[in-house]
Amino acid sequence: MSKRILVVDDEPNIVMSLEFLMRRAGFEVEVARNGKEALDALEGTPPDLLLLDVMMPEFDGYEVCERIRARPEWNGTKIIMLTARGRDVERERGLALGADAYVTKPFSTRDLVEQVKRMLGVS
């Protein structure tokens, strides 16, 4: 069974790029375009990993991360926050709220795919 990834971003070009990359790497991919859609998507069967943008409408990535970590049934879901905000204080905030990793844009697509595979124990 392949691992499921939820791409959460409000930028159509980034969504399309991440969706393509993750499918090509062998993952099932779902998309949420804002924080509310992301939380709604977790209500069914939670994905194995979220690629979570920080700056979005409805709820920002920090709030989504915090809400996910507040629910024990979602603790198995890994979270990689993706953002153009690379200051140390923002990175520390994301990690303190429970993100497993914090990646700044622009990022290496190869490195991101490798990081996702490592986190999910996929070779």
N, C-alpha and C. Protein backbone atom coordinates (compact mmCIF):
# COMPACT_ATOMS: atom_id res chain seq x y z
N MET A 1 0.84 -1.18 0.00
CA MET A 1 0.00 0.00 0.00
C MET A 1 0.89 1.24 0.00
N SER A 2 0.60 2.18 -0.90
CA SER A 2 1.45 3.37 -0.96
C SER A 2 1.05 4.38 0.11
N LYS A 3 1.97 5.21 0.46
CA LYS A 3 1.76 6.23 1.49
C LYS A 3 0.97 7.40 0.89
N ARG A 4 0.16 8.03 1.75
CA ARG A 4 -0.68 9.14 1.30
C ARG A 4 -0.12 10.47 1.80
N ILE A 5 -0.08 11.43 0.89
CA ILE A 5 0.42 12.76 1.20
C ILE A 5 -0.68 13.77 0.91
N LEU A 6 -0.87 14.71 1.82
CA LEU A 6 -1.80 15.82 1.62
C LEU A 6 -0.97 17.07 1.37
N VAL A 7 -1.12 17.64 0.17
CA VAL A 7 -0.45 18.89 -0.18
C VAL A 7 -1.40 20.02 0.18
N VAL A 8 -0.96 20.91 1.06
CA VAL A 8 -1.80 22.00 1.54
C VAL A 8 -1.14 23.32 1.16
N ASP A 9 -1.68 23.97 0.13
CA ASP A 9 -1.12 25.24 -0.35
C ASP A 9 -2.19 25.95 -1.17
N ASP A 10 -2.19 27.27 -1.13
CA ASP A 10 -3.18 28.04 -1.88
C ASP A 10 -2.64 28.54 -3.22
N GLU A 11 -1.38 28.25 -3.54
CA GLU A 11 -0.79 28.66 -4.81
C GLU A 11 -0.92 27.52 -5.82
N PRO A 12 -1.75 27.69 -6.86
CA PRO A 12 -1.98 26.60 -7.83
C PRO A 12 -0.70 26.03 -8.45
N ASN A 13 0.27 26.87 -8.77
CA ASN A 13 1.50 26.37 -9.40
C ASN A 13 2.31 25.49 -8.45
N ILE A 14 2.33 25.86 -7.19
CA ILE A 14 3.07 25.06 -6.19
C ILE A 14 2.34 23.74 -5.96
N VAL A 15 1.02 23.80 -5.87
CA VAL A 15 0.23 22.57 -5.70
C VAL A 15 0.49 21.62 -6.86
N MET A 16 0.43 22.14 -8.08
CA MET A 16 0.63 21.30 -9.26
C MET A 16 2.02 20.68 -9.26
N SER A 17 3.02 21.46 -8.93
CA SER A 17 4.40 20.97 -8.90
C SER A 17 4.59 19.90 -7.82
N LEU A 18 4.11 20.17 -6.60
CA LEU A 18 4.27 19.20 -5.52
C LEU A 18 3.48 17.93 -5.79
N GLU A 19 2.29 18.08 -6.34
CA GLU A 19 1.46 16.91 -6.66
C GLU A 19 2.18 16.02 -7.68
N PHE A 20 2.74 16.64 -8.72
CA PHE A 20 3.47 15.90 -9.74
C PHE A 20 4.68 15.18 -9.13
N LEU A 21 5.47 15.91 -8.34
CA LEU A 21 6.67 15.32 -7.73
C LEU A 21 6.35 14.11 -6.86
N MET A 22 5.34 14.28 -6.02
CA MET A 22 5.01 13.21 -5.07
C MET A 22 4.39 12.00 -5.78
N ARG A 23 3.57 12.23 -6.78
CA ARG A 23 3.01 11.10 -7.55
C ARG A 23 4.13 10.35 -8.27
N ARG A 24 5.05 11.12 -8.86
CA ARG A 24 6.17 10.50 -9.58
C ARG A 24 7.04 9.67 -8.63
N ALA A 25 7.09 10.07 -7.37
CA ALA A 25 7.86 9.33 -6.36
C ALA A 25 7.09 8.13 -5.83
N GLY A 26 5.84 7.95 -6.29
CA GLY A 26 5.08 6.76 -5.92
C GLY A 26 4.07 6.94 -4.81
N PHE A 27 3.79 8.17 -4.43
CA PHE A 27 2.84 8.43 -3.35
C PHE A 27 1.44 8.72 -3.89
N GLU A 28 0.43 8.41 -3.08
CA GLU A 28 -0.92 8.88 -3.36
C GLU A 28 -0.97 10.32 -2.88
N VAL A 29 -1.63 11.18 -3.65
CA VAL A 29 -1.63 12.60 -3.29
C VAL A 29 -3.05 13.15 -3.27
N GLU A 30 -3.34 13.89 -2.22
CA GLU A 30 -4.58 14.66 -2.13
C GLU A 30 -4.17 16.11 -1.97
N VAL A 31 -5.13 17.02 -2.26
CA VAL A 31 -4.83 18.45 -2.21
C VAL A 31 -5.86 19.17 -1.35
N ALA A 32 -5.38 20.11 -0.56
CA ALA A 32 -6.24 21.04 0.17
C ALA A 32 -5.71 22.44 -0.13
N ARG A 33 -6.61 23.37 -0.39
CA ARG A 33 -6.19 24.71 -0.82
C ARG A 33 -6.19 25.76 0.29
N ASN A 34 -6.57 25.34 1.49
CA ASN A 34 -6.50 26.25 2.63
C ASN A 34 -6.51 25.42 3.91
N GLY A 35 -6.36 26.09 5.03
CA GLY A 35 -6.27 25.39 6.30
C GLY A 35 -7.52 24.63 6.67
N LYS A 36 -8.68 25.19 6.37
CA LYS A 36 -9.93 24.49 6.69
C LYS A 36 -10.06 23.21 5.89
N GLU A 37 -9.77 23.27 4.59
CA GLU A 37 -9.82 22.05 3.76
C GLU A 37 -8.84 20.99 4.29
N ALA A 38 -7.69 21.44 4.77
CA ALA A 38 -6.70 20.49 5.30
C ALA A 38 -7.26 19.76 6.52
N LEU A 39 -7.84 20.51 7.44
CA LEU A 39 -8.40 19.89 8.65
C LEU A 39 -9.58 18.99 8.30
N ASP A 40 -10.40 19.40 7.35
CA ASP A 40 -11.51 18.55 6.90
C ASP A 40 -11.00 17.24 6.31
N ALA A 41 -9.90 17.32 5.55
CA ALA A 41 -9.33 16.12 4.91
C ALA A 41 -8.80 15.12 5.94
N LEU A 42 -8.39 15.59 7.10
CA LEU A 42 -7.89 14.70 8.13
C LEU A 42 -9.00 13.95 8.86
N GLU A 43 -10.21 14.41 8.73
CA GLU A 43 -11.33 13.78 9.44
C GLU A 43 -11.59 12.35 8.97
N GLY A 44 -11.34 12.06 7.71
CA GLY A 44 -11.52 10.70 7.22
C GLY A 44 -10.37 9.84 7.69
N THR A 45 -9.65 9.28 6.76
CA THR A 45 -8.44 8.56 7.09
C THR A 45 -7.29 9.55 6.96
N PRO A 46 -6.62 9.88 8.04
CA PRO A 46 -5.56 10.89 7.96
C PRO A 46 -4.44 10.45 7.01
N PRO A 47 -3.85 11.40 6.30
CA PRO A 47 -2.72 11.05 5.43
C PRO A 47 -1.50 10.70 6.27
N ASP A 48 -0.52 10.12 5.63
CA ASP A 48 0.72 9.78 6.33
C ASP A 48 1.58 11.02 6.56
N LEU A 49 1.45 12.01 5.65
CA LEU A 49 2.29 13.20 5.74
C LEU A 49 1.59 14.39 5.11
N LEU A 50 1.79 15.57 5.69
CA LEU A 50 1.31 16.82 5.11
C LEU A 50 2.49 17.64 4.64
N LEU A 51 2.38 18.19 3.44
CA LEU A 51 3.27 19.24 2.97
C LEU A 51 2.45 20.51 3.17
N LEU A 52 2.76 21.28 4.19
CA LEU A 52 1.90 22.34 4.69
C LEU A 52 2.51 23.71 4.51
N ASP A 53 1.85 24.53 3.68
CA ASP A 53 2.27 25.92 3.50
C ASP A 53 1.95 26.70 4.77
N VAL A 54 2.71 27.74 5.05
CA VAL A 54 2.46 28.55 6.24
C VAL A 54 1.42 29.63 5.95
N MET A 55 1.60 30.38 4.87
CA MET A 55 0.71 31.52 4.60
C MET A 55 -0.44 31.08 3.70
N MET A 56 -1.64 30.94 4.31
CA MET A 56 -2.84 30.50 3.59
C MET A 56 -4.07 31.18 4.16
N PRO A 57 -5.16 31.18 3.38
CA PRO A 57 -6.43 31.69 3.92
C PRO A 57 -7.07 30.67 4.87
N GLU A 58 -8.12 31.09 5.54
CA GLU A 58 -8.87 30.29 6.52
C GLU A 58 -8.05 30.14 7.80
N PHE A 59 -7.13 29.17 7.84
CA PHE A 59 -6.20 29.01 8.95
C PHE A 59 -4.81 28.97 8.36
N ASP A 60 -3.85 29.63 8.98
CA ASP A 60 -2.50 29.54 8.45
C ASP A 60 -1.88 28.20 8.85
N GLY A 61 -0.72 27.90 8.31
CA GLY A 61 -0.08 26.62 8.57
C GLY A 61 0.25 26.38 10.04
N TYR A 62 0.58 27.45 10.75
CA TYR A 62 0.88 27.30 12.18
C TYR A 62 -0.36 26.81 12.93
N GLU A 63 -1.51 27.42 12.62
CA GLU A 63 -2.74 27.02 13.31
C GLU A 63 -3.15 25.59 12.93
N VAL A 64 -2.98 25.25 11.66
CA VAL A 64 -3.29 23.88 11.22
C VAL A 64 -2.40 22.89 11.96
N CYS A 65 -1.12 23.18 12.03
CA CYS A 65 -0.17 22.31 12.72
C CYS A 65 -0.57 22.14 14.19
N GLU A 66 -0.88 23.24 14.83
CA GLU A 66 -1.26 23.21 16.24
C GLU A 66 -2.52 22.39 16.46
N ARG A 67 -3.51 22.55 15.58
CA ARG A 67 -4.76 21.78 15.71
C ARG A 67 -4.55 20.30 15.46
N ILE A 68 -3.68 19.97 14.52
CA ILE A 68 -3.39 18.56 14.26
C ILE A 68 -2.73 17.93 15.48
N ARG A 69 -1.76 18.60 16.05
CA ARG A 69 -1.04 18.05 17.20
C ARG A 69 -1.90 18.00 18.47
N ALA A 70 -3.00 18.73 18.48
CA ALA A 70 -3.91 18.69 19.64
C ALA A 70 -4.80 17.46 19.63
N ARG A 71 -4.84 16.75 18.50
CA ARG A 71 -5.70 15.57 18.37
C ARG A 71 -4.85 14.31 18.36
N PRO A 72 -4.93 13.50 19.41
CA PRO A 72 -4.09 12.29 19.51
C PRO A 72 -4.24 11.34 18.32
N GLU A 73 -5.43 11.26 17.74
CA GLU A 73 -5.63 10.34 16.61
C GLU A 73 -4.88 10.78 15.35
N TRP A 74 -4.37 12.00 15.33
CA TRP A 74 -3.61 12.50 14.18
C TRP A 74 -2.11 12.55 14.44
N ASN A 75 -1.68 12.07 15.59
CA ASN A 75 -0.26 12.18 15.95
C ASN A 75 0.66 11.41 15.01
N GLY A 76 0.15 10.41 14.32
CA GLY A 76 0.99 9.64 13.40
C GLY A 76 1.25 10.35 12.09
N THR A 77 0.55 11.43 11.84
CA THR A 77 0.73 12.18 10.59
C THR A 77 1.95 13.09 10.71
N LYS A 78 2.89 12.91 9.81
CA LYS A 78 4.08 13.75 9.76
C LYS A 78 3.73 15.09 9.11
N ILE A 79 4.41 16.15 9.52
CA ILE A 79 4.15 17.47 8.96
C ILE A 79 5.47 18.11 8.54
N ILE A 80 5.54 18.47 7.25
CA ILE A 80 6.65 19.27 6.74
C ILE A 80 6.06 20.63 6.37
N MET A 81 6.48 21.66 7.07
CA MET A 81 6.01 23.00 6.74
C MET A 81 6.87 23.57 5.63
N LEU A 82 6.21 24.15 4.63
CA LEU A 82 6.89 24.77 3.50
C LEU A 82 6.56 26.26 3.51
N THR A 83 7.58 27.09 3.42
CA THR A 83 7.30 28.52 3.49
C THR A 83 8.41 29.37 2.90
N ALA A 84 8.02 30.56 2.48
CA ALA A 84 9.00 31.55 2.04
C ALA A 84 9.60 32.26 3.24
N ARG A 85 8.99 32.08 4.39
CA ARG A 85 9.47 32.72 5.62
C ARG A 85 10.56 31.87 6.24
N GLY A 86 11.79 32.32 6.14
CA GLY A 86 12.90 31.50 6.60
C GLY A 86 13.60 31.98 7.85
N ARG A 87 13.05 32.98 8.51
CA ARG A 87 13.72 33.48 9.71
C ARG A 87 13.71 32.42 10.80
N ASP A 88 14.74 32.43 11.62
CA ASP A 88 14.87 31.43 12.68
C ASP A 88 13.66 31.39 13.60
N VAL A 89 13.12 32.57 13.94
CA VAL A 89 11.99 32.61 14.87
C VAL A 89 10.76 31.91 14.28
N GLU A 90 10.56 32.04 12.97
CA GLU A 90 9.42 31.38 12.32
C GLU A 90 9.64 29.87 12.27
N ARG A 91 10.86 29.47 11.95
CA ARG A 91 11.21 28.04 11.92
C ARG A 91 11.01 27.42 13.30
N GLU A 92 11.51 28.11 14.32
CA GLU A 92 11.38 27.61 15.69
C GLU A 92 9.91 27.50 16.10
N ARG A 93 9.10 28.46 15.67
CA ARG A 93 7.67 28.42 15.99
C ARG A 93 7.02 27.19 15.37
N GLY A 94 7.31 26.94 14.08
CA GLY A 94 6.74 25.77 13.41
C GLY A 94 7.12 24.47 14.09
N LEU A 95 8.39 24.35 14.44
CA LEU A 95 8.86 23.12 15.09
C LEU A 95 8.29 23.00 16.50
N ALA A 96 8.17 24.13 17.19
CA ALA A 96 7.60 24.10 18.55
C ALA A 96 6.13 23.69 18.54
N LEU A 97 5.42 24.02 17.46
CA LEU A 97 4.00 23.65 17.36
C LEU A 97 3.80 22.20 16.93
N GLY A 98 4.91 21.52 16.58
CA GLY A 98 4.81 20.11 16.28
C GLY A 98 5.16 19.69 14.87
N ALA A 99 5.63 20.62 14.04
CA ALA A 99 6.07 20.22 12.70
C ALA A 99 7.29 19.31 12.83
N ASP A 100 7.37 18.34 11.94
CA ASP A 100 8.51 17.42 11.95
C ASP A 100 9.70 18.01 11.20
N ALA A 101 9.41 18.94 10.27
CA ALA A 101 10.47 19.61 9.51
C ALA A 101 9.93 20.94 9.00
N TYR A 102 10.85 21.84 8.68
CA TYR A 102 10.50 23.18 8.23
C TYR A 102 11.40 23.48 7.04
N VAL A 103 10.83 23.61 5.85
CA VAL A 103 11.60 23.78 4.64
C VAL A 103 11.26 25.14 4.02
N THR A 104 12.29 25.93 3.70
CA THR A 104 12.05 27.24 3.11
C THR A 104 12.06 27.17 1.59
N LYS A 105 11.19 28.00 0.99
CA LYS A 105 11.12 28.12 -0.46
C LYS A 105 12.11 29.20 -0.88
N PRO A 106 12.75 29.06 -2.02
CA PRO A 106 12.70 27.89 -2.92
C PRO A 106 13.51 26.74 -2.31
N PHE A 107 13.11 25.53 -2.67
CA PHE A 107 13.77 24.35 -2.12
C PHE A 107 14.13 23.42 -3.26
N SER A 108 15.06 22.53 -2.99
CA SER A 108 15.44 21.53 -3.96
C SER A 108 14.37 20.45 -3.99
N THR A 109 13.80 20.21 -5.16
CA THR A 109 12.74 19.20 -5.26
C THR A 109 13.29 17.81 -4.93
N ARG A 110 14.50 17.54 -5.35
CA ARG A 110 15.12 16.24 -5.06
C ARG A 110 15.28 16.06 -3.56
N ASP A 111 15.77 17.09 -2.87
CA ASP A 111 15.95 17.01 -1.43
C ASP A 111 14.62 16.82 -0.71
N LEU A 112 13.58 17.52 -1.19
CA LEU A 112 12.26 17.39 -0.56
C LEU A 112 11.73 15.97 -0.71
N VAL A 113 11.82 15.40 -1.90
CA VAL A 113 11.35 14.03 -2.12
C VAL A 113 12.13 13.07 -1.22
N GLU A 114 13.43 13.25 -1.13
CA GLU A 114 14.25 12.38 -0.27
C GLU A 114 13.85 12.52 1.20
N GLN A 115 13.57 13.74 1.62
CA GLN A 115 13.17 13.97 3.01
C GLN A 115 11.83 13.29 3.31
N VAL A 116 10.89 13.40 2.37
CA VAL A 116 9.59 12.75 2.53
C VAL A 116 9.77 11.24 2.62
N LYS A 117 10.57 10.68 1.74
CA LYS A 117 10.81 9.23 1.76
C LYS A 117 11.43 8.79 3.09
N ARG A 118 12.41 9.54 3.57
CA ARG A 118 13.04 9.21 4.85
C ARG A 118 12.02 9.24 5.99
N MET A 119 11.22 10.28 6.03
CA MET A 119 10.23 10.42 7.11
C MET A 119 9.22 9.30 7.10
N LEU A 120 8.89 8.82 5.91
CA LEU A 120 7.87 7.77 5.80
C LEU A 120 8.47 6.38 5.73
N GLY A 121 9.78 6.28 5.82
CA GLY A 121 10.44 4.98 5.80
C GLY A 121 10.30 4.26 4.47
N VAL A 122 10.33 5.04 3.40
CA VAL A 122 10.19 4.49 2.05
C VAL A 122 11.52 4.64 1.33
N SER A 123 11.91 3.61 0.58
CA SER A 123 13.19 3.72 -0.14
C SER A 123 12.97 4.01 -1.61
